Amino acid sequence: MIPQGRPTTTEDDIAAATGLPVHTWRRRHAAAFRARVPVVNPGERLRLYDDEQARAFMSGKPWPTGTTAEAADDEPWPTAVPPGAEHPDGLLTDKETANILGIRDATVRAYATTGYLPAGIERHGRTWWPRHTAEARRDAGDQHHQTPGRKPGDPRNRAPRPRHDPRIEEIAELTAQAPLTTADVVQRYGVGERTAQRLLAAARTCT
């Protein structure tokens, strides 16, 4: 999660700010930095840090103000946002969004491409979703994200009734007068070859 109102930074960004390649920065400085500055997203592969805290550490300044918590010089700084603080505008990963909806993280990404979920917000090379977006989707009346759990016999499981295609009867009447080829159907109805073949096959069942 990216806490609302707290800009975040990555180790790549921190290394770039010091003018070092990230692998060099990690070898020389990461241990001391990680011991002092807490991540804002524990357990995630991409380590995110509070930008203000990161800058304070790099400049040798005291822990930045913003909460009443304090730490001794040899102790890690407190987190910039208290654990469990769930602001509606906090940004969630696909996995965190999936946990709210009760689906897989891959499904979250698929929903974002279809418009069922907003496209999300780009940060640090990844896509994030505001917490309020995920909760609104969860609380929506359609409950589309729960459709895989429909029980057997649910009328929504039935296959849609096939639509009537008037071209089929027209082709059947024409073929009764003179044989039609696939090319004839393509030219007459402006369809592709496979569609023309399907229409011809359906027309033969009407004769």
Protein backbone atom coordinates (compact mmCIF):
# COMPACT_ATOMS: atom_id res chain seq x y z
CA MET A 1 0.00 0.00 0.00
CA ILE A 2 1.05 3.59 -0.63
CA PRO A 3 -0.35 5.64 2.26
CA GLN A 4 -2.47 8.63 1.34
CA GLY A 5 -0.63 11.93 1.52
CA ARG A 6 2.82 10.35 1.96
CA PRO A 7 4.98 10.40 -1.20
CA THR A 8 7.06 7.26 -1.48
CA THR A 9 10.40 6.40 -3.02
CA THR A 10 12.25 3.23 -4.01
CA GLU A 11 15.82 2.11 -3.51
CA ASP A 12 16.44 2.75 -7.20
CA ASP A 13 15.32 6.37 -6.70
CA ILE A 14 17.46 6.73 -3.58
CA ALA A 15 20.54 5.37 -5.33
CA ALA A 16 19.98 7.71 -8.27
CA ALA A 17 19.72 10.67 -5.89
CA THR A 18 23.12 9.79 -4.44
CA GLY A 19 24.65 9.38 -7.89
CA LEU A 20 25.39 5.68 -7.45
CA PRO A 21 24.26 2.61 -9.41
CA VAL A 22 21.65 0.81 -7.37
CA HIS A 23 23.80 -2.32 -6.91
CA THR A 24 26.65 -0.16 -5.55
CA TRP A 25 24.32 1.73 -3.23
CA ARG A 26 22.91 -1.51 -1.90
CA ARG A 27 26.36 -2.92 -1.25
CA ARG A 28 27.59 0.20 0.56
CA HIS A 29 24.55 1.76 2.19
CA ALA A 30 21.46 -0.45 2.08
CA ALA A 31 22.07 -2.24 5.38
CA ALA A 32 22.37 0.98 7.39
CA PHE A 33 19.47 2.59 5.53
CA ARG A 34 17.13 -0.37 6.02
CA ALA A 35 18.04 -0.60 9.69
CA ARG A 36 16.99 3.00 10.23
CA VAL A 37 14.18 3.72 7.74
CA PRO A 38 11.12 1.41 7.80
CA VAL A 39 9.34 0.34 4.63
CA VAL A 40 5.75 1.47 4.22
CA ASN A 41 4.74 -1.81 2.56
CA PRO A 42 6.16 -4.69 4.64
CA GLY A 43 6.27 -8.04 2.90
CA GLU A 44 6.26 -6.65 -0.64
CA ARG A 45 9.07 -7.38 -3.08
CA LEU A 46 9.27 -3.74 -4.18
CA ARG A 47 10.48 -1.87 -1.10
CA LEU A 48 8.83 1.52 -0.69
CA TYR A 49 9.96 4.15 1.80
CA ASP A 50 8.45 7.39 2.98
CA ASP A 51 10.13 9.99 0.79
CA GLU A 52 10.54 12.53 3.59
CA GLN A 53 12.18 9.98 5.87
CA ALA A 54 14.50 8.78 3.09
CA ARG A 55 15.66 12.33 2.35
CA ALA A 56 16.17 13.03 6.02
CA PHE A 57 18.37 9.96 6.40
CA MET A 58 20.46 10.79 3.34
CA SER A 59 21.03 14.35 4.55
CA GLY A 60 21.80 13.29 8.12
CA LYS A 61 18.83 15.17 9.58
CA PRO A 62 16.71 14.01 12.54
CA TRP A 63 13.59 11.95 11.94
CA PRO A 64 11.08 14.25 10.21
CA THR A 65 8.16 15.56 12.19
CA GLY A 66 4.62 14.49 11.40
CA THR A 67 3.73 12.22 14.32
CA THR A 68 4.38 12.44 18.05
CA ALA A 69 6.49 9.27 18.06
CA GLU A 70 10.21 9.61 18.63
CA ALA A 71 13.14 7.22 18.40
CA ALA A 72 16.59 7.20 19.92
CA ASP A 73 19.58 7.79 17.69
CA ASP A 74 20.36 4.06 17.51
CA GLU A 75 16.75 2.90 16.97
CA PRO A 76 14.72 2.61 13.76
CA TRP A 77 12.42 5.51 13.05
CA PRO A 78 8.72 4.90 13.63
CA THR A 79 6.60 4.37 10.55
CA ALA A 80 5.35 7.60 9.01
CA VAL A 81 1.80 6.24 8.93
CA PRO A 82 0.47 4.14 11.84
CA PRO A 83 -0.07 0.46 10.96
CA GLY A 84 -3.67 -0.25 10.03
CA ALA A 85 -4.36 3.29 8.87
CA GLU A 86 -6.74 2.66 5.98
CA HIS A 87 -7.48 5.93 4.25
CA PRO A 88 -9.96 5.70 1.33
CA ASP A 89 -7.37 7.31 -0.95
CA GLY A 90 -4.54 4.96 0.00
CA LEU A 91 -3.19 3.16 -3.06
CA LEU A 92 -3.38 -0.64 -3.15
CA THR A 93 -1.48 -3.21 -5.19
CA ASP A 94 -3.32 -5.64 -7.44
CA LYS A 95 -2.92 -8.26 -4.71
CA GLU A 96 -4.39 -5.99 -2.02
CA THR A 97 -7.24 -5.02 -4.32
CA ALA A 98 -7.86 -8.69 -5.06
CA ASN A 99 -8.05 -9.44 -1.32
CA ILE A 100 -10.82 -6.88 -0.92
CA LEU A 101 -12.79 -8.29 -3.86
CA GLY A 102 -12.13 -11.93 -3.04
CA ILE A 103 -10.59 -12.67 -6.44
CA ARG A 104 -7.15 -13.32 -7.94
CA ASP A 105 -4.74 -10.46 -8.63
CA ALA A 106 -4.69 -11.45 -12.32
CA THR A 107 -8.46 -10.91 -12.40
CA VAL A 108 -7.99 -7.40 -11.03
CA ARG A 109 -5.68 -6.58 -13.94
CA ALA A 110 -8.17 -8.10 -16.38
CA TYR A 111 -11.04 -6.04 -14.92
CA ALA A 112 -8.93 -2.89 -15.35
CA THR A 113 -8.58 -3.58 -19.09
CA THR A 114 -12.32 -4.09 -19.56
CA GLY A 115 -13.44 -1.06 -17.57
CA TYR A 116 -15.08 -3.08 -14.79
CA LEU A 117 -12.42 -1.49 -12.59
CA PRO A 118 -10.75 1.88 -13.28
CA ALA A 119 -7.44 1.65 -15.08
CA GLY A 120 -5.56 2.50 -11.88
CA ILE A 121 -2.74 4.91 -11.09
CA GLU A 122 0.87 4.43 -12.15
CA ARG A 123 3.51 4.69 -9.43
CA HIS A 124 7.04 3.28 -9.43
CA GLY A 125 6.43 1.32 -12.62
CA ARG A 126 3.35 -0.44 -11.24
CA THR A 127 -0.40 0.06 -11.24
CA TRP A 128 -2.23 0.87 -8.00
CA TRP A 129 -5.91 1.29 -7.13
CA PRO A 130 -7.34 3.65 -4.50
CA ARG A 131 -8.89 1.76 -1.63
CA HIS A 132 -12.23 3.48 -2.16
CA THR A 133 -12.31 2.16 -5.75
CA ALA A 134 -11.89 -1.44 -4.61
CA GLU A 135 -14.44 -1.06 -1.82
CA ALA A 136 -16.97 0.57 -4.15
CA ARG A 137 -16.57 -2.31 -6.61
CA ARG A 138 -16.99 -4.80 -3.79
CA ASP A 139 -20.14 -3.09 -2.51
CA ALA A 140 -21.71 -2.60 -5.96
CA GLY A 141 -25.06 -4.27 -6.48
CA ASP A 142 -24.10 -6.29 -9.55
CA GLN A 143 -21.47 -8.38 -7.73
CA HIS A 144 -19.96 -9.32 -11.07
CA HIS A 145 -16.68 -10.28 -9.46
CA GLN A 146 -18.43 -13.14 -7.66
CA THR A 147 -20.00 -14.76 -10.74
CA PRO A 148 -17.55 -17.72 -10.76
CA GLY A 149 -19.22 -18.83 -7.55
CA ARG A 150 -22.75 -19.19 -8.95
CA LYS A 151 -24.47 -22.32 -7.73
CA PRO A 152 -25.59 -25.08 -10.12
CA GLY A 153 -29.08 -24.42 -11.41
CA ASP A 154 -28.72 -20.64 -11.27
CA PRO A 155 -30.67 -19.36 -14.32
CA ARG A 156 -27.77 -17.00 -15.09
CA ASN A 157 -25.69 -20.08 -15.94
CA ARG A 158 -27.84 -20.88 -18.96
CA ALA A 159 -26.39 -20.27 -22.37
CA PRO A 160 -27.90 -17.24 -24.12
CA ARG A 161 -30.67 -18.02 -26.57
CA PRO A 162 -29.35 -17.82 -30.13
CA ARG A 163 -30.43 -14.73 -32.06
CA HIS A 164 -32.38 -15.07 -35.27
CA ASP A 165 -30.36 -14.10 -38.37
CA PRO A 166 -32.66 -13.09 -41.26
CA ARG A 167 -29.81 -13.62 -43.72
CA ILE A 168 -30.06 -17.38 -43.25
CA GLU A 169 -33.64 -17.60 -44.57
CA GLU A 170 -32.83 -15.24 -47.41
CA ILE A 171 -29.84 -17.35 -48.45
CA ALA A 172 -31.99 -20.49 -48.23
CA GLU A 173 -34.51 -18.95 -50.61
CA LEU A 174 -31.78 -17.84 -53.04
CA THR A 175 -30.08 -21.24 -53.06
CA ALA A 176 -33.42 -22.83 -53.90
CA GLN A 177 -33.39 -20.79 -57.10
CA ALA A 178 -29.67 -21.16 -57.94
CA PRO A 179 -26.67 -22.49 -55.96
CA LEU A 180 -24.71 -19.85 -54.05
CA THR A 181 -21.00 -20.08 -53.40
CA THR A 182 -19.07 -18.73 -50.44
CA ALA A 183 -17.78 -15.93 -52.66
CA ASP A 184 -21.36 -15.00 -53.59
CA VAL A 185 -22.32 -14.64 -49.92
CA VAL A 186 -19.16 -12.66 -49.13
CA GLN A 187 -19.90 -10.21 -51.92
CA ARG A 188 -23.66 -9.94 -51.26
CA TYR A 189 -23.49 -9.39 -47.47
CA GLY A 190 -20.00 -7.94 -47.03
CA VAL A 191 -18.91 -10.60 -44.54
CA GLY A 192 -15.77 -12.65 -44.13
CA GLU A 193 -15.28 -16.05 -45.67
CA ARG A 194 -15.82 -17.95 -42.44
CA THR A 195 -19.04 -16.08 -41.72
CA ALA A 196 -20.21 -16.77 -45.26
CA GLN A 197 -19.55 -20.48 -44.79
CA ARG A 198 -21.48 -20.46 -41.52
CA LEU A 199 -24.44 -18.74 -43.13
CA LEU A 200 -24.46 -21.22 -46.02
CA ALA A 201 -24.31 -24.17 -43.65
CA ALA A 202 -27.19 -22.78 -41.59
CA ALA A 203 -29.22 -22.07 -44.75
CA ARG A 204 -28.90 -25.71 -45.86
CA THR A 205 -30.65 -26.82 -42.65
CA CYS A 206 -33.62 -24.64 -43.57
CA THR A 207 -34.16 -26.27 -46.94
